[in-house]
N, C-alpha and C. Protein backbone atom coordinates (compact mmCIF):
# COMPACT_ATOMS: atom_id res chain seq x y z
N MET A 1 93.25 56.56 78.24
CA MET A 1 91.96 56.83 77.43
C MET A 1 90.94 57.89 77.94
N ALA A 2 90.56 58.72 77.16
CA ALA A 2 89.52 59.59 77.68
C ALA A 2 87.85 59.08 78.24
N LEU A 3 87.34 59.63 79.26
CA LEU A 3 86.17 59.17 79.60
C LEU A 3 85.01 59.34 78.25
N HIS A 4 84.01 58.45 78.47
CA HIS A 4 83.10 58.33 77.30
C HIS A 4 81.84 59.27 77.99
N TYR A 5 81.36 60.22 77.48
CA TYR A 5 80.08 60.57 78.20
C TYR A 5 78.91 60.54 77.16
N PRO A 6 77.80 60.44 77.42
CA PRO A 6 76.70 60.25 76.39
C PRO A 6 76.30 61.55 76.23
N MET A 7 76.08 61.77 74.98
CA MET A 7 75.44 62.87 74.25
C MET A 7 74.38 62.99 74.24
N ALA A 8 74.04 64.46 74.29
CA ALA A 8 72.60 64.91 74.23
C ALA A 8 72.21 65.25 72.71
N VAL A 9 70.63 64.83 72.51
CA VAL A 9 70.02 65.12 71.36
C VAL A 9 69.12 66.47 71.43
N GLY A 10 68.95 67.28 70.15
CA GLY A 10 68.20 68.46 70.18
C GLY A 10 68.86 69.60 71.09
N LEU A 11 68.22 70.19 71.75
CA LEU A 11 68.59 71.48 72.52
C LEU A 11 69.74 71.52 72.78
N ASN A 12 69.94 70.25 73.57
CA ASN A 12 71.27 70.18 74.66
C ASN A 12 72.51 69.53 73.68
N GLN A 13 72.16 69.56 72.52
CA GLN A 13 73.40 68.69 71.52
C GLN A 13 74.74 69.38 71.86
N GLY A 14 75.88 68.03 72.26
CA GLY A 14 77.07 68.67 72.05
C GLY A 14 77.52 68.75 73.79
N HIS A 15 76.50 68.54 74.76
CA HIS A 15 76.97 68.80 76.13
C HIS A 15 76.97 67.59 77.05
N LYS A 16 77.85 67.64 78.02
CA LYS A 16 77.77 66.25 78.76
C LYS A 16 76.49 66.20 79.45
N MET A 17 75.90 64.97 79.55
CA MET A 17 74.80 65.04 80.27
C MET A 17 74.61 64.25 81.51
N THR A 18 75.62 63.70 81.63
CA THR A 18 75.88 62.93 83.19
C THR A 18 75.58 63.65 84.36
N LYS A 19 75.89 64.99 84.48
CA LYS A 19 75.62 65.65 85.55
C LYS A 19 74.42 65.99 85.72
N ASN A 20 73.44 65.84 84.66
CA ASN A 20 72.14 66.34 84.90
C ASN A 20 71.34 64.88 85.70
N ASP A 21 71.95 63.91 85.38
CA ASP A 21 71.20 62.48 85.83
C ASP A 21 71.92 62.30 87.30
N VAL A 22 73.21 62.72 87.77
CA VAL A 22 73.69 62.40 89.24
C VAL A 22 73.18 63.69 90.30
N ILE A 23 73.12 64.84 89.81
CA ILE A 23 72.46 65.86 90.44
C ILE A 23 71.64 65.61 91.76
N PRO A 24 70.06 65.19 90.87
CA PRO A 24 68.98 64.89 91.47
C PRO A 24 69.41 63.64 92.74
N GLU A 25 70.27 62.71 92.12
CA GLU A 25 70.31 61.60 93.23
C GLU A 25 71.06 61.88 94.38
N VAL A 26 72.01 63.08 94.21
CA VAL A 26 73.02 63.40 95.39
C VAL A 26 72.28 64.40 96.11
N CYS A 27 71.76 65.64 95.62
CA CYS A 27 71.30 66.65 96.11
C CYS A 27 69.74 66.79 96.57
N GLY A 28 69.00 65.87 95.84
CA GLY A 28 67.39 65.74 96.05
C GLY A 28 67.28 66.86 94.86
N PHE A 29 65.71 67.33 95.18
CA PHE A 29 65.12 67.99 94.29
C PHE A 29 65.07 69.63 94.75
N ALA A 30 65.03 70.29 93.86
CA ALA A 30 64.68 71.88 94.46
C ALA A 30 63.48 72.00 94.96
N LEU A 31 63.32 73.02 95.60
CA LEU A 31 61.98 73.55 96.17
C LEU A 31 60.79 73.67 94.94
N CYS A 32 61.11 74.14 94.00
CA CYS A 32 60.28 74.45 93.13
C CYS A 32 59.98 73.16 92.31
N GLU A 33 60.75 72.17 92.41
CA GLU A 33 60.82 70.90 91.48
C GLU A 33 59.75 70.17 92.73
N GLN A 34 59.72 69.94 93.95
CA GLN A 34 59.07 69.37 94.90
C GLN A 34 57.79 69.85 94.84
N HIS A 35 57.43 71.50 94.88
CA HIS A 35 56.09 71.77 94.60
C HIS A 35 55.62 71.29 93.45
N ALA A 36 56.31 71.53 92.38
CA ALA A 36 55.60 70.58 90.86
C ALA A 36 55.38 69.50 91.27
N MET A 37 55.92 68.50 91.76
CA MET A 37 55.82 66.99 91.87
C MET A 37 54.49 66.84 92.77
N GLU A 38 54.11 67.86 93.87
CA GLU A 38 53.06 67.78 94.47
C GLU A 38 51.79 67.84 93.82
N LEU A 39 52.01 68.96 92.73
CA LEU A 39 50.93 69.31 91.80
C LEU A 39 50.34 68.01 91.09
N LEU A 40 51.66 67.41 90.58
CA LEU A 40 51.60 66.29 89.54
C LEU A 40 50.81 65.13 90.56
N LYS A 41 51.10 65.04 91.82
CA LYS A 41 50.41 63.83 92.54
C LYS A 41 48.98 64.11 92.72
N VAL A 42 48.64 65.11 92.56
CA VAL A 42 47.08 65.12 92.62
C VAL A 42 46.56 65.75 91.21
N SER A 43 47.13 65.11 90.09
CA SER A 43 46.74 65.50 88.98
C SER A 43 46.51 66.87 88.53
N LYS A 44 47.28 67.59 88.74
CA LYS A 44 46.89 69.15 88.54
C LYS A 44 47.93 69.28 87.41
N ASP A 45 48.01 68.89 86.54
CA ASP A 45 48.98 69.09 85.35
C ASP A 45 48.99 70.20 84.89
N LYS A 46 48.13 71.19 84.48
CA LYS A 46 48.15 72.34 83.91
C LYS A 46 48.76 73.51 84.97
N GLY A 47 48.39 73.20 86.23
CA GLY A 47 48.81 73.96 87.17
C GLY A 47 50.43 73.89 87.54
N ALA A 48 50.72 72.63 87.47
CA ALA A 48 52.13 72.54 87.63
C ALA A 48 52.99 72.91 86.07
N HIS A 49 52.37 72.83 85.06
CA HIS A 49 52.99 73.51 83.73
C HIS A 49 53.06 74.85 84.08
N LYS A 50 52.02 75.47 84.46
CA LYS A 50 52.19 76.95 84.40
C LYS A 50 53.31 77.37 85.72
N PHE A 51 53.32 76.62 86.73
CA PHE A 51 54.37 76.86 87.94
C PHE A 51 55.55 76.65 87.34
N ILE A 52 55.88 75.62 86.60
CA ILE A 52 57.14 75.37 86.44
C ILE A 52 57.46 76.43 85.03
N LYS A 53 56.52 76.72 84.25
CA LYS A 53 56.86 77.91 83.27
C LYS A 53 57.36 78.95 83.43
N LYS A 54 56.70 79.53 84.76
CA LYS A 54 56.98 80.85 85.39
C LYS A 54 58.59 80.79 85.95
N ARG A 55 58.90 79.76 86.22
CA ARG A 55 60.12 79.28 87.39
C ARG A 55 61.51 79.25 86.12
N VAL A 56 60.85 78.48 84.83
CA VAL A 56 62.20 78.26 84.02
C VAL A 56 62.03 79.07 82.76
N GLY A 57 60.81 79.69 82.30
CA GLY A 57 60.93 80.69 81.63
C GLY A 57 60.01 80.27 80.23
N THR A 58 60.53 79.37 79.56
CA THR A 58 59.92 78.81 78.31
C THR A 58 59.12 77.65 78.27
N HIS A 59 58.03 77.73 77.13
CA HIS A 59 57.00 76.68 77.36
C HIS A 59 57.75 75.29 76.88
N ILE A 60 58.80 75.31 76.05
CA ILE A 60 59.44 74.01 75.88
C ILE A 60 60.17 73.22 77.03
N CYS A 61 60.85 74.41 77.69
CA CYS A 61 61.57 73.86 78.97
C CYS A 61 60.61 73.24 80.00
N ALA A 62 59.46 74.00 79.96
CA ALA A 62 58.74 73.61 81.07
C ALA A 62 57.90 72.47 80.94
N LYS A 63 57.71 72.15 79.52
CA LYS A 63 57.11 70.70 79.20
C LYS A 63 58.12 69.52 79.56
N ARG A 64 59.34 69.65 79.06
CA ARG A 64 60.42 69.08 79.37
C ARG A 64 60.92 68.71 80.90
N LYS A 65 60.66 69.68 81.56
CA LYS A 65 60.80 69.36 82.92
C LYS A 65 59.75 69.17 83.44
N ARG A 66 58.34 69.13 83.11
CA ARG A 66 57.03 68.52 83.64
C ARG A 66 57.04 66.96 83.29
N GLU A 67 57.62 66.77 82.29
CA GLU A 67 57.67 64.96 81.94
C GLU A 67 58.85 64.38 82.71
N GLU A 68 59.86 65.14 82.88
CA GLU A 68 60.79 64.61 83.54
C GLU A 68 60.41 64.39 85.20
N LEU A 69 59.47 65.52 85.52
CA LEU A 69 59.33 65.17 87.12
C LEU A 69 57.99 63.95 87.03
N SER A 70 57.40 63.93 86.15
CA SER A 70 55.99 63.01 86.03
C SER A 70 56.99 61.43 86.02
N ASN A 71 58.07 61.51 85.18
CA ASN A 71 58.75 60.27 85.31
C ASN A 71 59.30 59.65 86.33
N MET A 72 59.85 60.69 87.19
CA MET A 72 60.17 60.59 88.59
C MET A 72 59.36 59.84 89.18
N LEU A 73 58.09 60.52 89.21
CA LEU A 73 57.16 59.94 90.03
C LEU A 73 56.58 58.66 89.77
N GLU A 74 56.58 58.30 88.56
CA GLU A 74 56.32 56.86 88.22
C GLU A 74 57.19 55.91 88.57
N ALA A 75 58.59 56.51 88.65
CA ALA A 75 59.56 55.55 88.77
C ALA A 75 59.65 55.30 90.50
N VAL A 76 59.23 56.28 91.33
CA VAL A 76 58.94 56.21 92.72
C VAL A 76 57.80 55.13 93.09
N ARG A 77 56.56 55.35 92.22
CA ARG A 77 55.48 54.74 92.52
C ARG A 77 55.82 53.07 92.31
N LYS A 78 56.64 53.04 91.28
CA LYS A 78 57.00 51.52 90.68
C LYS A 78 57.58 50.88 92.00
N THR A 79 58.76 51.72 92.28
CA THR A 79 59.50 51.11 93.27
C THR A 79 58.96 50.63 94.79
N VAL A 80 57.90 51.73 95.00
CA VAL A 80 57.17 51.52 96.05
C VAL A 80 56.03 50.16 96.09
N ALA A 81 55.65 49.90 95.03
CA ALA A 81 54.59 48.69 94.24
C ALA A 81 55.54 47.53 94.62
N LYS A 82 56.92 47.77 94.31
CA LYS A 82 57.76 46.38 94.20
C LYS A 82 57.78 46.07 95.64
N LYS A 83 57.99 47.02 96.91
CA LYS A 83 58.37 46.60 97.96
C LYS A 83 57.15 45.84 98.79
N ASP A 84 55.85 46.23 98.26
CA ASP A 84 54.89 45.87 98.65
C ASP A 84 54.56 44.38 98.40
């Protein structure tokens, strides 16, 4: 039986999406992602958006990446809060 991969919706429709979830867990974040996360930590959302847009190229991709990184920061904050 073939492996079942979750399918993406929207611009990524039809592509295998599990690799995008696994890569940050294994390799960590790219330097530009780390810089954007630092900007998001100090509530510089507009600056983070401009920085990411310059790196990835389009407004929509930058919005998606910023949202993804802010969700990661929220998850980290929740795990730290649970430990305390």
